[in-house]
Amino acid sequence: MKLGGKIKYIRKSNQMYQKEFAYSIAVSQGTLSDIERGNGYPSCETIIALKMAFKCDLNWLIDEESDVESNNKLFGVNVSVQENALIQLLRTLPDIEKDEFLQIAKIKAEKNSNLA
């Protein structure tokens, strides 16, 4: 997958429109649109902004041989697209809300293990 497609994937995984995503990485919506369509390339500053804002793996981002599935690994374990979307959303939360989310997930996991 090409760089523009990966950037679009990051945006879509975070359920963002181009305008808000572009703002979060300090580019115009037009520039983002060009990048996503493969009609332009991001600056180094934009790539760094992607790394900082969305915690994406820069090796995956710039390696055109890597596809989305190869980025869906966490600690050597395959991560589904759904799990990856949850991880991306979780990364956007403040720490206190991450803790709350973790407690909810633990309760749900415990409930499901008791049903098995």
PDB file of N, CA and C in Angstrom:
ATOM      1  N   MET A   1       0.848  -1.177   0.000  1.00  0.00           N
ATOM      2  CA  MET A   1       0.000   0.000   0.000  1.00  0.00           C
ATOM      3  C   MET A   1       0.893   1.241   0.000  1.00  0.00           C
ATOM      4  N   LYS A   2       0.480   2.227  -0.765  1.00  0.00           N
ATOM      5  CA  LYS A   2       1.250   3.457  -0.871  1.00  0.00           C
ATOM      6  C   LYS A   2       1.005   4.371   0.329  1.00  0.00           C
ATOM      7  N   LEU A   3       1.902   5.331   0.505  1.00  0.00           N
ATOM      8  CA  LEU A   3       1.869   6.247   1.641  1.00  0.00           C
ATOM      9  C   LEU A   3       0.522   6.944   1.786  1.00  0.00           C
ATOM     10  N   GLY A   4      -0.018   7.473   0.686  1.00  0.00           N
ATOM     11  CA  GLY A   4      -1.306   8.168   0.753  1.00  0.00           C
ATOM     12  C   GLY A   4      -2.426   7.275   1.253  1.00  0.00           C
ATOM     13  N   GLY A   5      -2.433   6.034   0.806  1.00  0.00           N
ATOM     14  CA  GLY A   5      -3.443   5.075   1.262  1.00  0.00           C
ATOM     15  C   GLY A   5      -3.307   4.767   2.737  1.00  0.00           C
ATOM     16  N   LYS A   6      -2.079   4.703   3.220  1.00  0.00           N
ATOM     17  CA  LYS A   6      -1.859   4.439   4.640  1.00  0.00           C
ATOM     18  C   LYS A   6      -2.317   5.616   5.492  1.00  0.00           C
ATOM     19  N   ILE A   7      -2.066   6.822   5.002  1.00  0.00           N
ATOM     20  CA  ILE A   7      -2.513   8.004   5.741  1.00  0.00           C
ATOM     21  C   ILE A   7      -4.039   8.042   5.774  1.00  0.00           C
ATOM     22  N   LYS A   8      -4.663   7.707   4.669  1.00  0.00           N
ATOM     23  CA  LYS A   8      -6.130   7.636   4.640  1.00  0.00           C
ATOM     24  C   LYS A   8      -6.626   6.557   5.598  1.00  0.00           C
ATOM     25  N   TYR A   9      -5.925   5.430   5.650  1.00  0.00           N
ATOM     26  CA  TYR A   9      -6.283   4.351   6.576  1.00  0.00           C
ATOM     27  C   TYR A   9      -6.207   4.834   8.025  1.00  0.00           C
ATOM     28  N   ILE A  10      -5.162   5.578   8.365  1.00  0.00           N
ATOM     29  CA  ILE A  10      -5.025   6.117   9.720  1.00  0.00           C
ATOM     30  C   ILE A  10      -6.200   7.042  10.024  1.00  0.00           C
ATOM     31  N   ARG A  11      -6.531   7.907   9.066  1.00  0.00           N
ATOM     32  CA  ARG A  11      -7.647   8.840   9.253  1.00  0.00           C
ATOM     33  C   ARG A  11      -8.959   8.100   9.459  1.00  0.00           C
ATOM     34  N   LYS A  12      -9.225   7.134   8.584  1.00  0.00           N
ATOM     35  CA  LYS A  12     -10.475   6.374   8.677  1.00  0.00           C
ATOM     36  C   LYS A  12     -10.530   5.540   9.955  1.00  0.00           C
ATOM     37  N   SER A  13      -9.391   4.974  10.367  1.00  0.00           N
ATOM     38  CA  SER A  13      -9.343   4.187  11.599  1.00  0.00           C
ATOM     39  C   SER A  13      -9.677   5.031  12.817  1.00  0.00           C
ATOM     40  N   ASN A  14      -9.391   6.314  12.716  1.00  0.00           N
ATOM     41  CA  ASN A  14      -9.688   7.234  13.810  1.00  0.00           C
ATOM     42  C   ASN A  14     -11.023   7.943  13.612  1.00  0.00           C
ATOM     43  N   GLN A  15     -11.776   7.482  12.625  1.00  0.00           N
ATOM     44  CA  GLN A  15     -13.106   7.996  12.327  1.00  0.00           C
ATOM     45  C   GLN A  15     -13.121   9.523  12.237  1.00  0.00           C
ATOM     46  N   MET A  16     -12.208  10.043  11.431  1.00  0.00           N
ATOM     47  CA  MET A  16     -12.087  11.486  11.277  1.00  0.00           C
ATOM     48  C   MET A  16     -12.363  11.877   9.832  1.00  0.00           C
ATOM     49  N   TYR A  17     -12.943  13.054   9.673  1.00  0.00           N
ATOM     50  CA  TYR A  17     -13.098  13.647   8.357  1.00  0.00           C
ATOM     51  C   TYR A  17     -11.784  14.297   7.967  1.00  0.00           C
ATOM     52  N   GLN A  18     -11.623  14.547   6.672  1.00  0.00           N
ATOM     53  CA  GLN A  18     -10.373  15.146   6.203  1.00  0.00           C
ATOM     54  C   GLN A  18     -10.072  16.464   6.901  1.00  0.00           C
ATOM     55  N   LYS A  19     -11.074  17.294   7.089  1.00  0.00           N
ATOM     56  CA  LYS A  19     -10.844  18.621   7.664  1.00  0.00           C
ATOM     57  C   LYS A  19     -10.240  18.535   9.063  1.00  0.00           C
ATOM     58  N   GLU A  20     -10.821  17.720   9.939  1.00  0.00           N
ATOM     59  CA  GLU A  20     -10.304  17.619  11.309  1.00  0.00           C
ATOM     60  C   GLU A  20      -8.966  16.879  11.357  1.00  0.00           C
ATOM     61  N   PHE A  21      -8.810  15.874  10.506  1.00  0.00           N
ATOM     62  CA  PHE A  21      -7.549  15.139  10.460  1.00  0.00           C
ATOM     63  C   PHE A  21      -6.430  16.055   9.964  1.00  0.00           C
ATOM     64  N   ALA A  22      -6.719  16.813   8.905  1.00  0.00           N
ATOM     65  CA  ALA A  22      -5.732  17.746   8.359  1.00  0.00           C
ATOM     66  C   ALA A  22      -5.313  18.757   9.430  1.00  0.00           C
ATOM     67  N   TYR A  23      -6.278  19.259  10.159  1.00  0.00           N
ATOM     68  CA  TYR A  23      -5.978  20.219  11.226  1.00  0.00           C
ATOM     69  C   TYR A  23      -5.067  19.587  12.281  1.00  0.00           C
ATOM     70  N   SER A  24      -5.322  18.322  12.611  1.00  0.00           N
ATOM     71  CA  SER A  24      -4.554  17.655  13.671  1.00  0.00           C
ATOM     72  C   SER A  24      -3.099  17.426  13.284  1.00  0.00           C
ATOM     73  N   ILE A  25      -2.804  17.423  11.969  1.00  0.00           N
ATOM     74  CA  ILE A  25      -1.413  17.241  11.531  1.00  0.00           C
ATOM     75  C   ILE A  25      -0.879  18.500  10.837  1.00  0.00           C
ATOM     76  N   ALA A  26      -1.605  19.594  10.993  1.00  0.00           N
ATOM     77  CA  ALA A  26      -1.166  20.919  10.537  1.00  0.00           C
ATOM     78  C   ALA A  26      -0.933  21.032   9.031  1.00  0.00           C
ATOM     79  N   VAL A  27      -1.871  20.483   8.261  1.00  0.00           N
ATOM     80  CA  VAL A  27      -1.862  20.683   6.811  1.00  0.00           C
ATOM     81  C   VAL A  27      -3.252  21.132   6.399  1.00  0.00           C
ATOM     82  N   SER A  28      -3.380  21.651   5.198  1.00  0.00           N
ATOM     83  CA  SER A  28      -4.698  22.033   4.704  1.00  0.00           C
ATOM     84  C   SER A  28      -5.453  20.786   4.250  1.00  0.00           C
ATOM     85  N   GLN A  29      -6.762  20.913   4.171  1.00  0.00           N
ATOM     86  CA  GLN A  29      -7.568  19.798   3.695  1.00  0.00           C
ATOM     87  C   GLN A  29      -7.203  19.451   2.255  1.00  0.00           C
ATOM     88  N   GLY A  30      -6.919  20.462   1.452  1.00  0.00           N
ATOM     89  CA  GLY A  30      -6.515  20.226   0.065  1.00  0.00           C
ATOM     90  C   GLY A  30      -5.217  19.444  -0.033  1.00  0.00           C
ATOM     91  N   THR A  31      -4.246  19.809   0.816  1.00  0.00           N
ATOM     92  CA  THR A  31      -2.971  19.082   0.843  1.00  0.00           C
ATOM     93  C   THR A  31      -3.194  17.632   1.253  1.00  0.00           C
ATOM     94  N   LEU A  32      -4.014  17.427   2.295  1.00  0.00           N
ATOM     95  CA  LEU A  32      -4.308  16.066   2.737  1.00  0.00           C
ATOM     96  C   LEU A  32      -4.977  15.277   1.624  1.00  0.00           C
ATOM     97  N   SER A  33      -5.924  15.884   0.952  1.00  0.00           N
ATOM     98  CA  SER A  33      -6.608  15.214  -0.148  1.00  0.00           C
ATOM     99  C   SER A  33      -5.608  14.790  -1.232  1.00  0.00           C
ATOM    100  N   ASP A  34      -4.697  15.693  -1.588  1.00  0.00           N
ATOM    101  CA  ASP A  34      -3.671  15.363  -2.582  1.00  0.00           C
ATOM    102  C   ASP A  34      -2.801  14.200  -2.119  1.00  0.00           C
ATOM    103  N   ILE A  35      -2.395  14.218  -0.855  1.00  0.00           N
ATOM    104  CA  ILE A  35      -1.549  13.148  -0.308  1.00  0.00           C
ATOM    105  C   ILE A  35      -2.289  11.817  -0.359  1.00  0.00           C
ATOM    106  N   GLU A  36      -3.550  11.812   0.106  1.00  0.00           N
ATOM    107  CA  GLU A  36      -4.316  10.569   0.138  1.00  0.00           C
ATOM    108  C   GLU A  36      -4.530   9.995  -1.265  1.00  0.00           C
ATOM    109  N   ARG A  37      -4.667  10.849  -2.266  1.00  0.00           N
ATOM    110  CA  ARG A  37      -4.881  10.393  -3.639  1.00  0.00           C
ATOM    111  C   ARG A  37      -3.576  10.061  -4.352  1.00  0.00           C
ATOM    112  N   GLY A  38      -2.443  10.296  -3.690  1.00  0.00           N
ATOM    113  CA  GLY A  38      -1.157  10.001  -4.301  1.00  0.00           C
ATOM    114  C   GLY A  38      -0.667  11.098  -5.222  1.00  0.00           C
ATOM    115  N   ASN A  39      -1.256  12.275  -5.123  1.00  0.00           N
ATOM    116  CA  ASN A  39      -0.850  13.403  -5.968  1.00  0.00           C
ATOM    117  C   ASN A  39       0.138  14.330  -5.271  1.00  0.00           C
ATOM    118  N   GLY A  40       0.620  13.926  -4.134  1.00  0.00           N
ATOM    119  CA  GLY A  40       1.592  14.715  -3.400  1.00  0.00           C
ATOM    120  C   GLY A  40       2.151  13.883  -2.261  1.00  0.00           C
ATOM    121  N   TYR A  41       3.169  14.402  -1.632  1.00  0.00           N
ATOM    122  CA  TYR A  41       3.811  13.700  -0.520  1.00  0.00           C
ATOM    123  C   TYR A  41       3.841  14.604   0.702  1.00  0.00           C
ATOM    124  N   PRO A  42       3.733  14.013   1.891  1.00  0.00           N
ATOM    125  CA  PRO A  42       3.797  14.822   3.105  1.00  0.00           C
ATOM    126  C   PRO A  42       5.227  15.283   3.377  1.00  0.00           C
ATOM    127  N   SER A  43       5.343  16.411   4.045  1.00  0.00           N
ATOM    128  CA  SER A  43       6.654  16.895   4.464  1.00  0.00           C
ATOM    129  C   SER A  43       7.134  16.060   5.649  1.00  0.00           C
ATOM    130  N   CYS A  44       8.382  16.216   5.998  1.00  0.00           N
ATOM    131  CA  CYS A  44       8.916  15.542   7.195  1.00  0.00           C
ATOM    132  C   CYS A  44       8.145  15.969   8.435  1.00  0.00           C
ATOM    133  N   GLU A  45       7.786  17.255   8.494  1.00  0.00           N
ATOM    134  CA  GLU A  45       7.026  17.762   9.640  1.00  0.00           C
ATOM    135  C   GLU A  45       5.668  17.078   9.743  1.00  0.00           C
ATOM    136  N   THR A  46       5.045  16.835   8.593  1.00  0.00           N
ATOM    137  CA  THR A  46       3.740  16.173   8.589  1.00  0.00           C
ATOM    138  C   THR A  46       3.872  14.723   9.031  1.00  0.00           C
ATOM    139  N   ILE A  47       4.909  14.059   8.592  1.00  0.00           N
ATOM    140  CA  ILE A  47       5.135  12.669   9.011  1.00  0.00           C
ATOM    141  C   ILE A  47       5.375  12.605  10.521  1.00  0.00           C
ATOM    142  N   ILE A  48       6.139  13.537  11.040  1.00  0.00           N
ATOM    143  CA  ILE A  48       6.380  13.587  12.486  1.00  0.00           C
ATOM    144  C   ILE A  48       5.070  13.867  13.222  1.00  0.00           C
ATOM    145  N   ALA A  49       4.243  14.765  12.678  1.00  0.00           N
ATOM    146  CA  ALA A  49       2.944  15.058  13.293  1.00  0.00           C
ATOM    147  C   ALA A  49       2.065  13.808  13.322  1.00  0.00           C
ATOM    148  N   LEU A  50       2.101  13.003  12.251  1.00  0.00           N
ATOM    149  CA  LEU A  50       1.360  11.742  12.231  1.00  0.00           C
ATOM    150  C   LEU A  50       1.843  10.814  13.336  1.00  0.00           C
ATOM    151  N   LYS A  51       3.142  10.710  13.470  1.00  0.00           N
ATOM    152  CA  LYS A  51       3.733   9.854  14.501  1.00  0.00           C
ATOM    153  C   LYS A  51       3.304  10.308  15.892  1.00  0.00           C
ATOM    154  N   MET A  52       3.369  11.623  16.138  1.00  0.00           N
ATOM    155  CA  MET A  52       3.044  12.154  17.454  1.00  0.00           C
ATOM    156  C   MET A  52       1.547  12.050  17.767  1.00  0.00           C
ATOM    157  N   ALA A  53       0.714  12.407  16.808  1.00  0.00           N
ATOM    158  CA  ALA A  53      -0.726  12.455  17.056  1.00  0.00           C
ATOM    159  C   ALA A  53      -1.389  11.082  17.044  1.00  0.00           C
ATOM    160  N   PHE A  54      -0.880  10.168  16.207  1.00  0.00           N
ATOM    161  CA  PHE A  54      -1.576   8.899  16.014  1.00  0.00           C
ATOM    162  C   PHE A  54      -0.733   7.670  16.337  1.00  0.00           C
ATOM    163  N   LYS A  55       0.482   7.905  16.850  1.00  0.00           N
ATOM    164  CA  LYS A  55       1.355   6.814  17.313  1.00  0.00           C
ATOM    165  C   LYS A  55       1.567   5.739  16.256  1.00  0.00           C
ATOM    166  N   CYS A  56       1.637   6.161  14.993  1.00  0.00           N
ATOM    167  CA  CYS A  56       1.827   5.177  13.929  1.00  0.00           C
ATOM    168  C   CYS A  56       3.303   4.803  13.807  1.00  0.00           C
ATOM    169  N   ASP A  57       3.530   3.612  13.348  1.00  0.00           N
ATOM    170  CA  ASP A  57       4.880   3.094  13.148  1.00  0.00           C
ATOM    171  C   ASP A  57       5.442   3.710  11.875  1.00  0.00           C
ATOM    172  N   LEU A  58       6.494   4.493  12.000  1.00  0.00           N
ATOM    173  CA  LEU A  58       7.060   5.170  10.827  1.00  0.00           C
ATOM    174  C   LEU A  58       7.621   4.198   9.805  1.00  0.00           C
ATOM    175  N   ASN A  59       8.177   3.088  10.240  1.00  0.00           N
ATOM    176  CA  ASN A  59       8.682   2.089   9.292  1.00  0.00           C
ATOM    177  C   ASN A  59       7.541   1.578   8.417  1.00  0.00           C
ATOM    178  N   TRP A  60       6.423   1.257   9.047  1.00  0.00           N
ATOM    179  CA  TRP A  60       5.254   0.790   8.299  1.00  0.00           C
ATOM    180  C   TRP A  60       4.753   1.891   7.362  1.00  0.00           C
ATOM    181  N   LEU A  61       4.715   3.117   7.877  1.00  0.00           N
ATOM    182  CA  LEU A  61       4.160   4.226   7.113  1.00  0.00           C
ATOM    183  C   LEU A  61       4.921   4.471   5.811  1.00  0.00           C
ATOM    184  N   ILE A  62       6.231   4.459   5.867  1.00  0.00           N
ATOM    185  CA  ILE A  62       7.001   4.830   4.677  1.00  0.00           C
ATOM    186  C   ILE A  62       7.408   3.644   3.803  1.00  0.00           C
ATOM    187  N   ASP A  63       7.240   2.420   4.283  1.00  0.00           N
ATOM    188  CA  ASP A  63       7.601   1.232   3.505  1.00  0.00           C
ATOM    189  C   ASP A  63       6.404   0.801   2.646  1.00  0.00           C
ATOM    190  N   GLU A  64       6.478   1.045   1.359  1.00  0.00           N
ATOM    191  CA  GLU A  64       5.368   0.708   0.471  1.00  0.00           C
ATOM    192  C   GLU A  64       5.151  -0.794   0.341  1.00  0.00           C
ATOM    193  N   GLU A  65       6.115  -1.586   0.751  1.00  0.00           N
ATOM    194  CA  GLU A  65       5.961  -3.041   0.698  1.00  0.00           C
ATOM    195  C   GLU A  65       5.074  -3.538   1.838  1.00  0.00           C
ATOM    196  N   SER A  66       4.963  -2.740   2.908  1.00  0.00           N
ATOM    197  CA  SER A  66       4.136  -3.126   4.053  1.00  0.00           C
ATOM    198  C   SER A  66       2.687  -2.793   3.765  1.00  0.00           C
ATOM    199  N   ASP A  67       1.812  -3.714   4.089  1.00  0.00           N
ATOM    200  CA  ASP A  67       0.396  -3.429   3.931  1.00  0.00           C
ATOM    201  C   ASP A  67      -0.233  -3.189   5.298  1.00  0.00           C
ATOM    202  N   VAL A  68      -1.513  -2.947   5.310  1.00  0.00           N
ATOM    203  CA  VAL A  68      -2.217  -2.659   6.558  1.00  0.00           C
ATOM    204  C   VAL A  68      -2.095  -3.822   7.527  1.00  0.00           C
ATOM    205  N   GLU A  69      -2.239  -5.038   7.032  1.00  0.00           N
ATOM    206  CA  GLU A  69      -2.195  -6.196   7.920  1.00  0.00           C
ATOM    207  C   GLU A  69      -0.845  -6.329   8.623  1.00  0.00           C
ATOM    208  N   SER A  70       0.242  -5.942   7.956  1.00  0.00           N
ATOM    209  CA  SER A  70       1.546  -6.068   8.600  1.00  0.00           C
ATOM    210  C   SER A  70       1.707  -5.065   9.724  1.00  0.00           C
ATOM    211  N   ASN A  71       0.901  -4.000   9.730  1.00  0.00           N
ATOM    212  CA  ASN A  71       0.938  -3.047  10.835  1.00  0.00           C
ATOM    213  C   ASN A  71       0.045  -3.493  11.976  1.00  0.00           C
ATOM    214  N   ASN A  72      -0.831  -4.429  11.720  1.00  0.00           N
ATOM    215  CA  ASN A  72      -1.778  -4.872  12.731  1.00  0.00           C
ATOM    216  C   ASN A  72      -1.166  -5.948  13.624  1.00  0.00           C
ATOM    217  N   LYS A  73       0.016  -5.658  14.138  1.00  0.00           N
ATOM    218  CA  LYS A  73       0.674  -6.569  15.070  1.00  0.00           C
ATOM    219  C   LYS A  73       1.004  -5.794  16.327  1.00  0.00           C
ATOM    220  N   LEU A  74       0.748  -6.406  17.453  1.00  0.00           N
ATOM    221  CA  LEU A  74       1.025  -5.785  18.731  1.00  0.00           C
ATOM    222  C   LEU A  74       1.722  -6.836  19.582  1.00  0.00           C
ATOM    223  N   PHE A  75       2.937  -6.576  19.975  1.00  0.00           N
ATOM    224  CA  PHE A  75       3.722  -7.514  20.774  1.00  0.00           C
ATOM    225  C   PHE A  75       3.817  -8.880  20.106  1.00  0.00           C
ATOM    226  N   GLY A  76       3.934  -8.885  18.778  1.00  0.00           N
ATOM    227  CA  GLY A  76       4.100 -10.128  18.042  1.00  0.00           C
ATOM    228  C   GLY A  76       2.835 -10.922  17.840  1.00  0.00           C
ATOM    229  N   VAL A  77       1.691 -10.370  18.210  1.00  0.00           N
ATOM    230  CA  VAL A  77       0.421 -11.068  18.071  1.00  0.00           C
ATOM    231  C   VAL A  77      -0.395 -10.372  16.991  1.00  0.00           C
ATOM    232  N   ASN A  78      -1.014 -11.140  16.106  1.00  0.00           N
ATOM    233  CA  ASN A  78      -1.863 -10.538  15.080  1.00  0.00           C
ATOM    234  C   ASN A  78      -3.044  -9.843  15.732  1.00  0.00           C
ATOM    235  N   VAL A  79      -3.341  -8.669  15.240  1.00  0.00           N
ATOM    236  CA  VAL A  79      -4.444  -7.868  15.746  1.00  0.00           C
ATOM    237  C   VAL A  79      -5.436  -7.692  14.614  1.00  0.00           C
ATOM    238  N   SER A  80      -6.718  -7.946  14.883  1.00  0.00           N
ATOM    239  CA  SER A  80      -7.734  -7.787  13.850  1.00  0.00           C
ATOM    240  C   SER A  80      -7.934  -6.311  13.530  1.00  0.00           C
ATOM    241  N   VAL A  81      -8.598  -6.046  12.422  1.00  0.00           N
ATOM    242  CA  VAL A  81      -8.889  -4.667  12.035  1.00  0.00           C
ATOM    243  C   VAL A  81      -9.729  -4.001  13.119  1.00  0.00           C
ATOM    244  N   GLN A  82     -10.680  -4.738  13.680  1.00  0.00           N
ATOM    245  CA  GLN A  82     -11.531  -4.199  14.746  1.00  0.00           C
ATOM    246  C   GLN A  82     -10.696  -3.864  15.989  1.00  0.00           C
ATOM    247  N   GLU A  83      -9.792  -4.764  16.367  1.00  0.00           N
ATOM    248  CA  GLU A  83      -8.923  -4.501  17.521  1.00  0.00           C
ATOM    249  C   GLU A  83      -8.015  -3.310  17.257  1.00  0.00           C
ATOM    250  N   ASN A  84      -7.506  -3.200  16.039  1.00  0.00           N
ATOM    251  CA  ASN A  84      -6.655  -2.073  15.689  1.00  0.00           C
ATOM    252  C   ASN A  84      -7.423  -0.759  15.784  1.00  0.00           C
ATOM    253  N   ALA A  85      -8.686  -0.755  15.335  1.00  0.00           N
ATOM    254  CA  ALA A  85      -9.516   0.445  15.435  1.00  0.00           C
ATOM    255  C   ALA A  85      -9.721   0.826  16.898  1.00  0.00           C
ATOM    256  N   LEU A  86      -9.941  -0.174  17.755  1.00  0.00           N
ATOM    257  CA  LEU A  86     -10.084   0.102  19.193  1.00  0.00           C
ATOM    258  C   LEU A  86      -8.796   0.690  19.775  1.00  0.00           C
ATOM    259  N   ILE A  87      -7.668   0.137  19.380  1.00  0.00           N
ATOM    260  CA  ILE A  87      -6.381   0.640  19.856  1.00  0.00           C
ATOM    261  C   ILE A  87      -6.185   2.087  19.419  1.00  0.00           C
ATOM    262  N   GLN A  88      -6.478   2.379  18.154  1.00  0.00           N
ATOM    263  CA  GLN A  88      -6.321   3.736  17.647  1.00  0.00           C
ATOM    264  C   GLN A  88      -7.225   4.710  18.404  1.00  0.00           C
ATOM    265  N   LEU A  89      -8.465   4.309  18.664  1.00  0.00           N
ATOM    266  CA  LEU A  89      -9.379   5.171  19.417  1.00  0.00           C
ATOM    267  C   LEU A  89      -8.905   5.345  20.855  1.00  0.00           C
ATOM    268  N   LEU A  90      -8.450   4.269  21.449  1.00  0.00           N
ATOM    269  CA  LEU A  90      -7.972   4.325  22.823  1.00  0.00           C
ATOM    270  C   LEU A  90      -6.803   5.292  22.975  1.00  0.00           C
ATOM    271  N   ARG A  91      -5.947   5.325  21.979  1.00  0.00           N
ATOM    272  CA  ARG A  91      -4.791   6.222  22.029  1.00  0.00           C
ATOM    273  C   ARG A  91      -5.184   7.692  22.040  1.00  0.00           C
ATOM    274  N   THR A  92      -6.380   8.006  21.584  1.00  0.00           N
ATOM    275  CA  THR A  92      -6.816   9.401  21.547  1.00  0.00           C
ATOM    276  C   THR A  92      -7.388   9.876  22.880  1.00  0.00           C
ATOM    277  N   LEU A  93      -7.636   8.951  23.803  1.00  0.00           N
ATOM    278  CA  LEU A  93      -8.261   9.308  25.078  1.00  0.00           C
ATOM    279  C   LEU A  93      -7.241   9.814  26.095  1.00  0.00           C
ATOM    280  N   PRO A  94      -7.682  10.701  26.990  1.00  0.00           N
ATOM    281  CA  PRO A  94      -6.809  11.091  28.109  1.00  0.00           C
ATOM    282  C   PRO A  94      -6.583   9.880  29.022  1.00  0.00           C
ATOM    283  N   ASP A  95      -5.503   9.902  29.788  1.00  0.00           N
ATOM    284  CA  ASP A  95      -5.143   8.750  30.621  1.00  0.00           C
ATOM    285  C   ASP A  95      -6.257   8.332  31.579  1.00  0.00           C
ATOM    286  N   ILE A  96      -6.950   9.266  32.165  1.00  0.00           N
ATOM    287  CA  ILE A  96      -8.004   8.911  33.125  1.00  0.00           C
ATOM    288  C   ILE A  96      -9.123   8.137  32.429  1.00  0.00           C
ATOM    289  N   GLU A  97      -9.428   8.515  31.188  1.00  0.00           N
ATOM    290  CA  GLU A  97     -10.464   7.800  30.450  1.00  0.00           C
ATOM    291  C   GLU A  97      -9.958   6.450  29.955  1.00  0.00           C
ATOM    292  N   LYS A  98      -8.657   6.343  29.694  1.00  0.00           N
ATOM    293  CA  LYS A  98      -8.087   5.038  29.350  1.00  0.00           C
ATOM    294  C   LYS A  98      -8.249   4.084  30.521  1.00  0.00           C
ATOM    295  N   ASP A  99      -8.007   4.573  31.753  1.00  0.00           N
ATOM    296  CA  ASP A  99      -8.167   3.742  32.946  1.00  0.00           C
ATOM    297  C   ASP A  99      -9.616   3.283  33.103  1.00  0.00           C
ATOM    298  N   GLU A 100     -10.545   4.201  32.859  1.00  0.00           N
ATOM    299  CA  GLU A 100     -11.967   3.865  32.938  1.00  0.00           C
ATOM    300  C   GLU A 100     -12.328   2.809  31.893  1.00  0.00           C
ATOM    301  N   PHE A 101     -11.828   2.994  30.679  1.00  0.00           N
ATOM    302  CA  PHE A 101     -12.066   2.038  29.604  1.00  0.00           C
ATOM    303  C   PHE A 101     -11.508   0.660  29.981  1.00  0.00           C
ATOM    304  N   LEU A 102     -10.324   0.628  30.561  1.00  0.00           N
ATOM    305  CA  LEU A 102      -9.704  -0.627  30.973  1.00  0.00           C
ATOM    306  C   LEU A 102     -10.557  -1.345  32.016  1.00  0.00           C
ATOM    307  N   GLN A 103     -11.091  -0.604  32.974  1.00  0.00           N
ATOM    308  CA  GLN A 103     -11.940  -1.213  34.005  1.00  0.00           C
ATOM    309  C   GLN A 103     -13.200  -1.822  33.385  1.00  0.00           C
ATOM    310  N   ILE A 104     -13.799  -1.111  32.438  1.00  0.00           N
ATOM    311  CA  ILE A 104     -14.988  -1.632  31.752  1.00  0.00           C
ATOM    312  C   ILE A 104     -14.636  -2.908  30.989  1.00  0.00           C
ATOM    313  N   ALA A 105     -13.500  -2.897  30.285  1.00  0.00           N
ATOM    314  CA  ALA A 105     -13.077  -4.070  29.522  1.00  0.00           C
ATOM    315  C   ALA A 105     -12.837  -5.264  30.452  1.00  0.00           C
ATOM    316  N   LYS A 106     -12.250  -5.024  31.622  1.00  0.00           N
ATOM    317  CA  LYS A 106     -12.007  -6.110  32.585  1.00  0.00           C
ATOM    318  C   LYS A 106     -13.323  -6.709  33.071  1.00  0.00           C
ATOM    319  N   ILE A 107     -14.305  -5.863  33.340  1.00  0.00           N
ATOM    320  CA  ILE A 107     -15.619  -6.341  33.796  1.00  0.00           C
ATOM    321  C   ILE A 107     -16.264  -7.191  32.713  1.00  0.00           C
ATOM    322  N   LYS A 108     -16.211  -6.724  31.470  1.00  0.00           N
ATOM    323  CA  LYS A 108     -16.806  -7.475  30.361  1.00  0.00           C
ATOM    324  C   LYS A 108     -16.082  -8.800  30.136  1.00  0.00           C
ATOM    325  N   ALA A 109     -14.764  -8.788  30.213  1.00  0.00           N
ATOM    326  CA  ALA A 109     -13.991 -10.017  30.020  1.00  0.00           C
ATOM    327  C   ALA A 109     -14.306 -11.026  31.118  1.00  0.00           C
ATOM    328  N   GLU A 110     -14.396 -10.549  32.346  1.00  0.00           N
ATOM    329  CA  GLU A 110     -14.720 -11.439  33.467  1.00  0.00           C
ATOM    330  C   GLU A 110     -16.126 -12.037  33.295  1.00  0.00           C
ATOM    331  N   LYS A 111     -17.070 -11.197  32.890  1.00  0.00           N
ATOM    332  CA  LYS A 111     -18.445 -11.654  32.671  1.00  0.00           C
ATOM    333  C   LYS A 111     -18.472 -12.730  31.603  1.00  0.00           C
ATOM    334  N   ASN A 112     -17.752 -12.533  30.503  1.00  0.00           N
ATOM    335  CA  ASN A 112     -17.735 -13.517  29.417  1.00  0.00           C
ATOM    336  C   ASN A 112     -17.019 -14.798  29.801  1.00  0.00           C
ATOM    337  N   SER A 113     -15.975 -14.701  30.637  1.00  0.00           N
ATOM    338  CA  SER A 113     -15.268 -15.916  31.042  1.00  0.00           C
ATOM    339  C   SER A 113     -16.122 -16.754  31.990  1.00  0.00           C
ATOM    340  N   ASN A 114     -16.997 -16.101  32.730  1.00  0.00           N
ATOM    341  CA  ASN A 114     -17.899 -16.831  33.618  1.00  0.00           C
ATOM    342  C   ASN A 114     -19.020 -17.547  32.847  1.00  0.00           C
ATOM    343  N   LEU A 115     -19.306 -17.065  31.633  1.00  0.00           N
ATOM    344  CA  LEU A 115     -20.336 -17.698  30.798  1.00  0.00           C
ATOM    345  C   LEU A 115     -19.808 -18.937  30.093  1.00  0.00           C
ATOM    346  N   ALA A 116     -18.492 -19.026  29.945  1.00  0.00           N
ATOM    347  CA  ALA A 116     -17.903 -20.136  29.188  1.00  0.00           C
ATOM    348  C   ALA A 116     -17.847 -21.412  29.969  1.00  0.00           C
TER     349      ALA A 116
END
